[in-house]
Amino acid sequence: TVYLQMNSLKPEDTAVYYCAASKT
């Protein structure tokens, strides 16, 4: 599992957040 801790959030952080995998 990978996490993304987001602090001090701003309205401009509003978005759909995607997790993705790469071989490199």
mmCIF file of all heavy atoms, coordinates in Angstrom:
data_MODEL
# 
_entry.id   MODEL 
# 
loop_
_atom_site.group_PDB 
_atom_site.id 
_atom_site.type_symbol 
_atom_site.label_atom_id 
_atom_site.label_alt_id 
_atom_site.label_comp_id 
_atom_site.label_asym_id 
_atom_site.label_entity_id 
_atom_site.label_seq_id 
_atom_site.pdbx_PDB_ins_code 
_atom_site.Cartn_x 
_atom_site.Cartn_y 
_atom_site.Cartn_z 
_atom_site.occupancy 
_atom_site.B_iso_or_equiv 
_atom_site.pdbx_formal_charge 
_atom_site.auth_seq_id 
_atom_site.auth_comp_id 
_atom_site.auth_asym_id 
_atom_site.auth_atom_id 
_atom_site.pdbx_PDB_model_num 
ATOM 1   N N   . THR A 1 1  ? 0.822   -1.198 0.000   1.00 0.00 ? 1  THR A N   1 
ATOM 2   C CA  . THR A 1 1  ? 0.000   0.000  0.000   1.00 0.00 ? 1  THR A CA  1 
ATOM 3   C C   . THR A 1 1  ? 0.861   1.254  0.000   1.00 0.00 ? 1  THR A C   1 
ATOM 4   O O   . THR A 1 1  ? 1.858   1.318  0.717   1.00 0.00 ? 1  THR A O   1 
ATOM 5   C CB  . THR A 1 1  ? -0.928  0.027  1.228   1.00 0.00 ? 1  THR A CB  1 
ATOM 6   O OG1 . THR A 1 1  ? -1.737  -1.153 1.250   1.00 0.00 ? 1  THR A OG1 1 
ATOM 7   C CG2 . THR A 1 1  ? -1.842  1.238  1.195   1.00 0.00 ? 1  THR A CG2 1 
ATOM 8   N N   . VAL A 1 2  ? 0.485   2.222  -0.787  1.00 0.00 ? 2  VAL A N   1 
ATOM 9   C CA  . VAL A 1 2  ? 1.145   3.516  -0.804  1.00 0.00 ? 2  VAL A CA  1 
ATOM 10  C C   . VAL A 1 2  ? 0.161   4.570  -0.322  1.00 0.00 ? 2  VAL A C   1 
ATOM 11  O O   . VAL A 1 2  ? -1.042  4.484  -0.594  1.00 0.00 ? 2  VAL A O   1 
ATOM 12  C CB  . VAL A 1 2  ? 1.697   3.857  -2.212  1.00 0.00 ? 2  VAL A CB  1 
ATOM 13  C CG1 . VAL A 1 2  ? 0.570   4.001  -3.225  1.00 0.00 ? 2  VAL A CG1 1 
ATOM 14  C CG2 . VAL A 1 2  ? 2.545   5.119  -2.168  1.00 0.00 ? 2  VAL A CG2 1 
ATOM 15  N N   . TYR A 1 3  ? 0.673   5.559  0.416   1.00 0.00 ? 3  TYR A N   1 
ATOM 16  C CA  . TYR A 1 3  ? -0.157  6.584  1.024   1.00 0.00 ? 3  TYR A CA  1 
ATOM 17  C C   . TYR A 1 3  ? 0.238   7.967  0.523   1.00 0.00 ? 3  TYR A C   1 
ATOM 18  O O   . TYR A 1 3  ? 1.371   8.205  0.117   1.00 0.00 ? 3  TYR A O   1 
ATOM 19  C CB  . TYR A 1 3  ? -0.018  6.566  2.545   1.00 0.00 ? 3  TYR A CB  1 
ATOM 20  C CG  . TYR A 1 3  ? -0.314  5.233  3.178   1.00 0.00 ? 3  TYR A CG  1 
ATOM 21  C CD1 . TYR A 1 3  ? 0.713   4.335  3.453   1.00 0.00 ? 3  TYR A CD1 1 
ATOM 22  C CD2 . TYR A 1 3  ? -1.612  4.871  3.511   1.00 0.00 ? 3  TYR A CD2 1 
ATOM 23  C CE1 . TYR A 1 3  ? 0.452   3.112  4.035   1.00 0.00 ? 3  TYR A CE1 1 
ATOM 24  C CE2 . TYR A 1 3  ? -1.878  3.650  4.093   1.00 0.00 ? 3  TYR A CE2 1 
ATOM 25  C CZ  . TYR A 1 3  ? -0.847  2.771  4.354   1.00 0.00 ? 3  TYR A CZ  1 
ATOM 26  O OH  . TYR A 1 3  ? -1.113  1.558  4.933   1.00 0.00 ? 3  TYR A OH  1 
ATOM 27  N N   . LEU A 1 4  ? -0.705  8.860  0.596   1.00 0.00 ? 4  LEU A N   1 
ATOM 28  C CA  . LEU A 1 4  ? -0.438  10.264 0.351   1.00 0.00 ? 4  LEU A CA  1 
ATOM 29  C C   . LEU A 1 4  ? -1.057  11.063 1.487   1.00 0.00 ? 4  LEU A C   1 
ATOM 30  O O   . LEU A 1 4  ? -2.287  11.181 1.570   1.00 0.00 ? 4  LEU A O   1 
ATOM 31  C CB  . LEU A 1 4  ? -1.006  10.730 -0.993  1.00 0.00 ? 4  LEU A CB  1 
ATOM 32  C CG  . LEU A 1 4  ? -0.701  12.180 -1.360  1.00 0.00 ? 4  LEU A CG  1 
ATOM 33  C CD1 . LEU A 1 4  ? 0.787   12.352 -1.651  1.00 0.00 ? 4  LEU A CD1 1 
ATOM 34  C CD2 . LEU A 1 4  ? -1.534  12.631 -2.556  1.00 0.00 ? 4  LEU A CD2 1 
ATOM 35  N N   . GLN A 1 5  ? -0.213  11.572 2.369   1.00 0.00 ? 5  GLN A N   1 
ATOM 36  C CA  . GLN A 1 5  ? -0.667  12.423 3.460   1.00 0.00 ? 5  GLN A CA  1 
ATOM 37  C C   . GLN A 1 5  ? -0.714  13.857 2.965   1.00 0.00 ? 5  GLN A C   1 
ATOM 38  O O   . GLN A 1 5  ? 0.297   14.391 2.504   1.00 0.00 ? 5  GLN A O   1 
ATOM 39  C CB  . GLN A 1 5  ? 0.270   12.316 4.661   1.00 0.00 ? 5  GLN A CB  1 
ATOM 40  C CG  . GLN A 1 5  ? -0.103  13.204 5.835   1.00 0.00 ? 5  GLN A CG  1 
ATOM 41  C CD  . GLN A 1 5  ? -1.392  12.795 6.491   1.00 0.00 ? 5  GLN A CD  1 
ATOM 42  O OE1 . GLN A 1 5  ? -1.605  11.617 6.748   1.00 0.00 ? 5  GLN A OE1 1 
ATOM 43  N NE2 . GLN A 1 5  ? -2.259  13.755 6.770   1.00 0.00 ? 5  GLN A NE2 1 
ATOM 44  N N   . MET A 1 6  ? -1.862  14.475 3.065   1.00 0.00 ? 6  MET A N   1 
ATOM 45  C CA  . MET A 1 6  ? -2.063  15.825 2.564   1.00 0.00 ? 6  MET A CA  1 
ATOM 46  C C   . MET A 1 6  ? -2.433  16.728 3.731   1.00 0.00 ? 6  MET A C   1 
ATOM 47  O O   . MET A 1 6  ? -3.465  16.530 4.375   1.00 0.00 ? 6  MET A O   1 
ATOM 48  C CB  . MET A 1 6  ? -3.151  15.859 1.491   1.00 0.00 ? 6  MET A CB  1 
ATOM 49  C CG  . MET A 1 6  ? -2.893  14.907 0.328   1.00 0.00 ? 6  MET A CG  1 
ATOM 50  S SD  . MET A 1 6  ? -4.131  15.050 -0.984  1.00 0.00 ? 6  MET A SD  1 
ATOM 51  C CE  . MET A 1 6  ? -5.578  14.434 -0.111  1.00 0.00 ? 6  MET A CE  1 
ATOM 52  N N   . ASN A 1 7  ? -1.597  17.709 3.993   1.00 0.00 ? 7  ASN A N   1 
ATOM 53  C CA  . ASN A 1 7  ? -1.812  18.649 5.081   1.00 0.00 ? 7  ASN A CA  1 
ATOM 54  C C   . ASN A 1 7  ? -1.997  20.061 4.540   1.00 0.00 ? 7  ASN A C   1 
ATOM 55  O O   . ASN A 1 7  ? -1.627  20.363 3.413   1.00 0.00 ? 7  ASN A O   1 
ATOM 56  C CB  . ASN A 1 7  ? -0.631  18.631 6.052   1.00 0.00 ? 7  ASN A CB  1 
ATOM 57  C CG  . ASN A 1 7  ? -0.411  17.290 6.693   1.00 0.00 ? 7  ASN A CG  1 
ATOM 58  O OD1 . ASN A 1 7  ? -1.362  16.559 6.985   1.00 0.00 ? 7  ASN A OD1 1 
ATOM 59  N ND2 . ASN A 1 7  ? 0.854   16.946 6.939   1.00 0.00 ? 7  ASN A ND2 1 
ATOM 60  N N   . SER A 1 8  ? -2.555  20.917 5.382   1.00 0.00 ? 8  SER A N   1 
ATOM 61  C CA  . SER A 1 8  ? -2.770  22.320 5.022   1.00 0.00 ? 8  SER A CA  1 
ATOM 62  C C   . SER A 1 8  ? -3.440  22.448 3.668   1.00 0.00 ? 8  SER A C   1 
ATOM 63  O O   . SER A 1 8  ? -3.011  23.214 2.798   1.00 0.00 ? 8  SER A O   1 
ATOM 64  C CB  . SER A 1 8  ? -1.434  23.077 5.035   1.00 0.00 ? 8  SER A CB  1 
ATOM 65  O OG  . SER A 1 8  ? -0.826  23.016 6.310   1.00 0.00 ? 8  SER A OG  1 
ATOM 66  N N   . LEU A 1 9  ? -4.495  21.711 3.498   1.00 0.00 ? 9  LEU A N   1 
ATOM 67  C CA  . LEU A 1 9  ? -5.161  21.657 2.202   1.00 0.00 ? 9  LEU A CA  1 
ATOM 68  C C   . LEU A 1 9  ? -5.774  22.999 1.829   1.00 0.00 ? 9  LEU A C   1 
ATOM 69  O O   . LEU A 1 9  ? -6.274  23.737 2.677   1.00 0.00 ? 9  LEU A O   1 
ATOM 70  C CB  . LEU A 1 9  ? -6.228  20.570 2.206   1.00 0.00 ? 9  LEU A CB  1 
ATOM 71  C CG  . LEU A 1 9  ? -5.678  19.148 2.103   1.00 0.00 ? 9  LEU A CG  1 
ATOM 72  C CD1 . LEU A 1 9  ? -6.730  18.130 2.501   1.00 0.00 ? 9  LEU A CD1 1 
ATOM 73  C CD2 . LEU A 1 9  ? -5.187  18.881 0.680   1.00 0.00 ? 9  LEU A CD2 1 
ATOM 74  N N   . LYS A 1 10 ? -5.733  23.272 0.541   1.00 0.00 ? 10 LYS A N   1 
ATOM 75  C CA  . LYS A 1 10 ? -6.255  24.500 -0.022  1.00 0.00 ? 10 LYS A CA  1 
ATOM 76  C C   . LYS A 1 10 ? -7.348  24.174 -1.030  1.00 0.00 ? 10 LYS A C   1 
ATOM 77  O O   . LYS A 1 10 ? -7.362  23.082 -1.596  1.00 0.00 ? 10 LYS A O   1 
ATOM 78  C CB  . LYS A 1 10 ? -5.134  25.284 -0.719  1.00 0.00 ? 10 LYS A CB  1 
ATOM 79  C CG  . LYS A 1 10 ? -3.923  25.559 0.150   1.00 0.00 ? 10 LYS A CG  1 
ATOM 80  C CD  . LYS A 1 10 ? -2.806  26.193 -0.670  1.00 0.00 ? 10 LYS A CD  1 
ATOM 81  C CE  . LYS A 1 10 ? -1.581  26.438 0.175   1.00 0.00 ? 10 LYS A CE  1 
ATOM 82  N NZ  . LYS A 1 10 ? -0.473  27.046 -0.618  1.00 0.00 ? 10 LYS A NZ  1 
ATOM 83  N N   . PRO A 1 11 ? -8.258  25.104 -1.277  1.00 0.00 ? 11 PRO A N   1 
ATOM 84  C CA  . PRO A 1 11 ? -9.297  24.847 -2.278  1.00 0.00 ? 11 PRO A CA  1 
ATOM 85  C C   . PRO A 1 11 ? -8.736  24.437 -3.631  1.00 0.00 ? 11 PRO A C   1 
ATOM 86  O O   . PRO A 1 11 ? -9.357  23.624 -4.326  1.00 0.00 ? 11 PRO A O   1 
ATOM 87  C CB  . PRO A 1 11 ? -10.043 26.182 -2.360  1.00 0.00 ? 11 PRO A CB  1 
ATOM 88  C CG  . PRO A 1 11 ? -9.893  26.764 -1.000  1.00 0.00 ? 11 PRO A CG  1 
ATOM 89  C CD  . PRO A 1 11 ? -8.494  26.377 -0.564  1.00 0.00 ? 11 PRO A CD  1 
ATOM 90  N N   . GLU A 1 12 ? -7.584  24.961 -4.001  1.00 0.00 ? 12 GLU A N   1 
ATOM 91  C CA  . GLU A 1 12 ? -6.987  24.610 -5.278  1.00 0.00 ? 12 GLU A CA  1 
ATOM 92  C C   . GLU A 1 12 ? -6.448  23.182 -5.324  1.00 0.00 ? 12 GLU A C   1 
ATOM 93  O O   . GLU A 1 12 ? -6.036  22.714 -6.387  1.00 0.00 ? 12 GLU A O   1 
ATOM 94  C CB  . GLU A 1 12 ? -5.874  25.595 -5.660  1.00 0.00 ? 12 GLU A CB  1 
ATOM 95  C CG  . GLU A 1 12 ? -4.863  25.831 -4.558  1.00 0.00 ? 12 GLU A CG  1 
ATOM 96  C CD  . GLU A 1 12 ? -5.161  27.088 -3.760  1.00 0.00 ? 12 GLU A CD  1 
ATOM 97  O OE1 . GLU A 1 12 ? -6.333  27.290 -3.383  1.00 0.00 ? 12 GLU A OE1 1 
ATOM 98  O OE2 . GLU A 1 12 ? -4.230  27.876 -3.512  1.00 0.00 ? 12 GLU A OE2 1 
ATOM 99  N N   . ASP A 1 13 ? -6.443  22.494 -4.189  1.00 0.00 ? 13 ASP A N   1 
ATOM 100 C CA  . ASP A 1 13 ? -6.086  21.083 -4.163  1.00 0.00 ? 13 ASP A CA  1 
ATOM 101 C C   . ASP A 1 13 ? -7.255  20.193 -4.577  1.00 0.00 ? 13 ASP A C   1 
ATOM 102 O O   . ASP A 1 13 ? -7.086  18.981 -4.723  1.00 0.00 ? 13 ASP A O   1 
ATOM 103 C CB  . ASP A 1 13 ? -5.608  20.665 -2.774  1.00 0.00 ? 13 ASP A CB  1 
ATOM 104 C CG  . ASP A 1 13 ? -4.306  21.331 -2.376  1.00 0.00 ? 13 ASP A CG  1 
ATOM 105 O OD1 . ASP A 1 13 ? -3.407  21.444 -3.234  1.00 0.00 ? 13 ASP A OD1 1 
ATOM 106 O OD2 . ASP A 1 13 ? -4.180  21.727 -1.198  1.00 0.00 ? 13 ASP A OD2 1 
ATOM 107 N N   . THR A 1 14 ? -8.417  20.770 -4.731  1.00 0.00 ? 14 THR A N   1 
ATOM 108 C CA  . THR A 1 14 ? -9.588  20.009 -5.132  1.00 0.00 ? 14 THR A CA  1 
ATOM 109 C C   . THR A 1 14 ? -9.356  19.363 -6.492  1.00 0.00 ? 14 THR A C   1 
ATOM 110 O O   . THR A 1 14 ? -9.034  20.041 -7.467  1.00 0.00 ? 14 THR A O   1 
ATOM 111 C CB  . THR A 1 14 ? -10.829 20.905 -5.180  1.00 0.00 ? 14 THR A CB  1 
ATOM 112 O OG1 . THR A 1 14 ? -11.128 21.377 -3.864  1.00 0.00 ? 14 THR A OG1 1 
ATOM 113 C CG2 . THR A 1 14 ? -12.028 20.145 -5.716  1.00 0.00 ? 14 THR A CG2 1 
ATOM 114 N N   . ALA A 1 15 ? -9.513  18.057 -6.548  1.00 0.00 ? 15 ALA A N   1 
ATOM 115 C CA  . ALA A 1 15 ? -9.251  17.315 -7.778  1.00 0.00 ? 15 ALA A CA  1 
ATOM 116 C C   . ALA A 1 15 ? -9.594  15.853 -7.558  1.00 0.00 ? 15 ALA A C   1 
ATOM 117 O O   . ALA A 1 15 ? -9.826  15.415 -6.425  1.00 0.00 ? 15 ALA A O   1 
ATOM 118 C CB  . ALA A 1 15 ? -7.786  17.443 -8.195  1.00 0.00 ? 15 ALA A CB  1 
ATOM 119 N N   . VAL A 1 16 ? -9.614  15.115 -8.642  1.00 0.00 ? 16 VAL A N   1 
ATOM 120 C CA  . VAL A 1 16 ? -9.630  13.668 -8.552  1.00 0.00 ? 16 VAL A CA  1 
ATOM 121 C C   . VAL A 1 16 ? -8.184  13.207 -8.457  1.00 0.00 ? 16 VAL A C   1 
ATOM 122 O O   . VAL A 1 16 ? -7.359  13.565 -9.297  1.00 0.00 ? 16 VAL A O   1 
ATOM 123 C CB  . VAL A 1 16 ? -10.326 13.020 -9.757  1.00 0.00 ? 16 VAL A CB  1 
ATOM 124 C CG1 . VAL A 1 16 ? -10.257 11.497 -9.668  1.00 0.00 ? 16 VAL A CG1 1 
ATOM 125 C CG2 . VAL A 1 16 ? -11.778 13.476 -9.836  1.00 0.00 ? 16 VAL A CG2 1 
ATOM 126 N N   . TYR A 1 17 ? -7.881  12.428 -7.452  1.00 0.00 ? 17 TYR A N   1 
ATOM 127 C CA  . TYR A 1 17 ? -6.528  11.943 -7.225  1.00 0.00 ? 17 TYR A CA  1 
ATOM 128 C C   . TYR A 1 17 ? -6.424  10.495 -7.678  1.00 0.00 ? 17 TYR A C   1 
ATOM 129 O O   . TYR A 1 17 ? -7.237  9.654  -7.292  1.00 0.00 ? 17 TYR A O   1 
ATOM 130 C CB  . TYR A 1 17 ? -6.145  12.071 -5.750  1.00 0.00 ? 17 TYR A CB  1 
ATOM 131 C CG  . TYR A 1 17 ? -5.824  13.489 -5.355  1.00 0.00 ? 17 TYR A CG  1 
ATOM 132 C CD1 . TYR A 1 17 ? -6.821  14.449 -5.269  1.00 0.00 ? 17 TYR A CD1 1 
ATOM 133 C CD2 . TYR A 1 17 ? -4.509  13.882 -5.082  1.00 0.00 ? 17 TYR A CD2 1 
ATOM 134 C CE1 . TYR A 1 17 ? -6.539  15.760 -4.936  1.00 0.00 ? 17 TYR A CE1 1 
ATOM 135 C CE2 . TYR A 1 17 ? -4.212  15.183 -4.735  1.00 0.00 ? 17 TYR A CE2 1 
ATOM 136 C CZ  . TYR A 1 17 ? -5.230  16.122 -4.661  1.00 0.00 ? 17 TYR A CZ  1 
ATOM 137 O OH  . TYR A 1 17 ? -4.937  17.422 -4.320  1.00 0.00 ? 17 TYR A OH  1 
ATOM 138 N N   . TYR A 1 18 ? -5.413  10.226 -8.478  1.00 0.00 ? 18 TYR A N   1 
ATOM 139 C CA  . TYR A 1 18 ? -5.216  8.906  -9.050  1.00 0.00 ? 18 TYR A CA  1 
ATOM 140 C C   . TYR A 1 18 ? -3.917  8.289  -8.574  1.00 0.00 ? 18 TYR A C   1 
ATOM 141 O O   . TYR A 1 18 ? -2.895  8.963  -8.486  1.00 0.00 ? 18 TYR A O   1 
ATOM 142 C CB  . TYR A 1 18 ? -5.170  8.971  -10.577 1.00 0.00 ? 18 TYR A CB  1 
ATOM 143 C CG  . TYR A 1 18 ? -6.439  9.458  -11.232 1.00 0.00 ? 18 TYR A CG  1 
ATOM 144 C CD1 . TYR A 1 18 ? -6.616  10.800 -11.535 1.00 0.00 ? 18 TYR A CD1 1 
ATOM 145 C CD2 . TYR A 1 18 ? -7.448  8.563  -11.561 1.00 0.00 ? 18 TYR A CD2 1 
ATOM 146 C CE1 . TYR A 1 18 ? -7.771  11.247 -12.141 1.00 0.00 ? 18 TYR A CE1 1 
ATOM 147 C CE2 . TYR A 1 18 ? -8.610  9.003  -12.173 1.00 0.00 ? 18 TYR A CE2 1 
ATOM 148 C CZ  . TYR A 1 18 ? -8.769  10.341 -12.464 1.00 0.00 ? 18 TYR A CZ  1 
ATOM 149 O OH  . TYR A 1 18 ? -9.912  10.778 -13.073 1.00 0.00 ? 18 TYR A OH  1 
ATOM 150 N N   . CYS A 1 19 ? -3.959  7.014  -8.300  1.00 0.00 ? 19 CYS A N   1 
ATOM 151 C CA  . CYS A 1 19 ? -2.774  6.216  -8.063  1.00 0.00 ? 19 CYS A CA  1 
ATOM 152 C C   . CYS A 1 19 ? -2.420  5.507  -9.359  1.00 0.00 ? 19 CYS A C   1 
ATOM 153 O O   . CYS A 1 19 ? -3.300  5.041  -10.076 1.00 0.00 ? 19 CYS A O   1 
ATOM 154 C CB  . CYS A 1 19 ? -3.037  5.200  -6.951  1.00 0.00 ? 19 CYS A CB  1 
ATOM 155 S SG  . CYS A 1 19 ? -1.672  4.091  -6.585  1.00 0.00 ? 19 CYS A SG  1 
ATOM 156 N N   . ALA A 1 20 ? -1.132  5.437  -9.673  1.00 0.00 ? 20 ALA A N   1 
ATOM 157 C CA  . ALA A 1 20 ? -0.701  4.819  -10.911 1.00 0.00 ? 20 ALA A CA  1 
ATOM 158 C C   . ALA A 1 20 ? 0.604   4.069  -10.708 1.00 0.00 ? 20 ALA A C   1 
ATOM 159 O O   . ALA A 1 20 ? 1.369   4.364  -9.793  1.00 0.00 ? 20 ALA A O   1 
ATOM 160 C CB  . ALA A 1 20 ? -0.531  5.877  -12.004 1.00 0.00 ? 20 ALA A CB  1 
ATOM 161 N N   . ALA A 1 21 ? 0.860   3.107  -11.582 1.00 0.00 ? 21 ALA A N   1 
ATOM 162 C CA  . ALA A 1 21 ? 2.051   2.265  -11.489 1.00 0.00 ? 21 ALA A CA  1 
ATOM 163 C C   . ALA A 1 21 ? 2.859   2.336  -12.768 1.00 0.00 ? 21 ALA A C   1 
ATOM 164 O O   . ALA A 1 21 ? 2.306   2.348  -13.872 1.00 0.00 ? 21 ALA A O   1 
ATOM 165 C CB  . ALA A 1 21 ? 1.656   0.818  -11.201 1.00 0.00 ? 21 ALA A CB  1 
ATOM 166 N N   . SER A 1 22 ? 4.182   2.372  -12.598 1.00 0.00 ? 22 SER A N   1 
ATOM 167 C CA  . SER A 1 22 ? 5.106   2.426  -13.719 1.00 0.00 ? 22 SER A CA  1 
ATOM 168 C C   . SER A 1 22 ? 6.246   1.441  -13.509 1.00 0.00 ? 22 SER A C   1 
ATOM 169 O O   . SER A 1 22 ? 6.704   1.256  -12.391 1.00 0.00 ? 22 SER A O   1 
ATOM 170 C CB  . SER A 1 22 ? 5.674   3.843  -13.875 1.00 0.00 ? 22 SER A CB  1 
ATOM 171 O OG  . SER A 1 22 ? 6.689   3.883  -14.860 1.00 0.00 ? 22 SER A OG  1 
ATOM 172 N N   . LYS A 1 23 ? 6.709   0.843  -14.590 1.00 0.00 ? 23 LYS A N   1 
ATOM 173 C CA  . LYS A 1 23 ? 7.847   -0.063 -14.501 1.00 0.00 ? 23 LYS A CA  1 
ATOM 174 C C   . LYS A 1 23 ? 9.151   0.679  -14.258 1.00 0.00 ? 23 LYS A C   1 
ATOM 175 O O   . LYS A 1 23 ? 10.119  0.087  -13.780 1.00 0.00 ? 23 LYS A O   1 
ATOM 176 C CB  . LYS A 1 23 ? 7.959   -0.902 -15.781 1.00 0.00 ? 23 LYS A CB  1 
ATOM 177 C CG  . LYS A 1 23 ? 6.853   -1.922 -15.957 1.00 0.00 ? 23 LYS A CG  1 
ATOM 178 C CD  . LYS A 1 23 ? 7.086   -2.764 -17.192 1.00 0.00 ? 23 LYS A CD  1 
ATOM 179 C CE  . LYS A 1 23 ? 6.016   -3.822 -17.348 1.00 0.00 ? 23 LYS A CE  1 
ATOM 180 N NZ  . LYS A 1 23 ? 6.237   -4.658 -18.547 1.00 0.00 ? 23 LYS A NZ  1 
ATOM 181 N N   . THR A 1 24 ? 9.185   1.947  -14.598 1.00 0.00 ? 24 THR A N   1 
ATOM 182 C CA  . THR A 1 24 ? 10.362  2.773  -14.378 1.00 0.00 ? 24 THR A CA  1 
ATOM 183 C C   . THR A 1 24 ? 10.028  3.945  -13.473 1.00 0.00 ? 24 THR A C   1 
ATOM 184 O O   . THR A 1 24 ? 8.870   4.359  -13.372 1.00 0.00 ? 24 THR A O   1 
ATOM 185 C CB  . THR A 1 24 ? 10.940  3.300  -15.698 1.00 0.00 ? 24 THR A CB  1 
ATOM 186 O OG1 . THR A 1 24 ? 9.949   4.097  -16.362 1.00 0.00 ? 24 THR A OG1 1 
ATOM 187 C CG2 . THR A 1 24 ? 11.338  2.158  -16.610 1.00 0.00 ? 24 THR A CG2 1 
# 
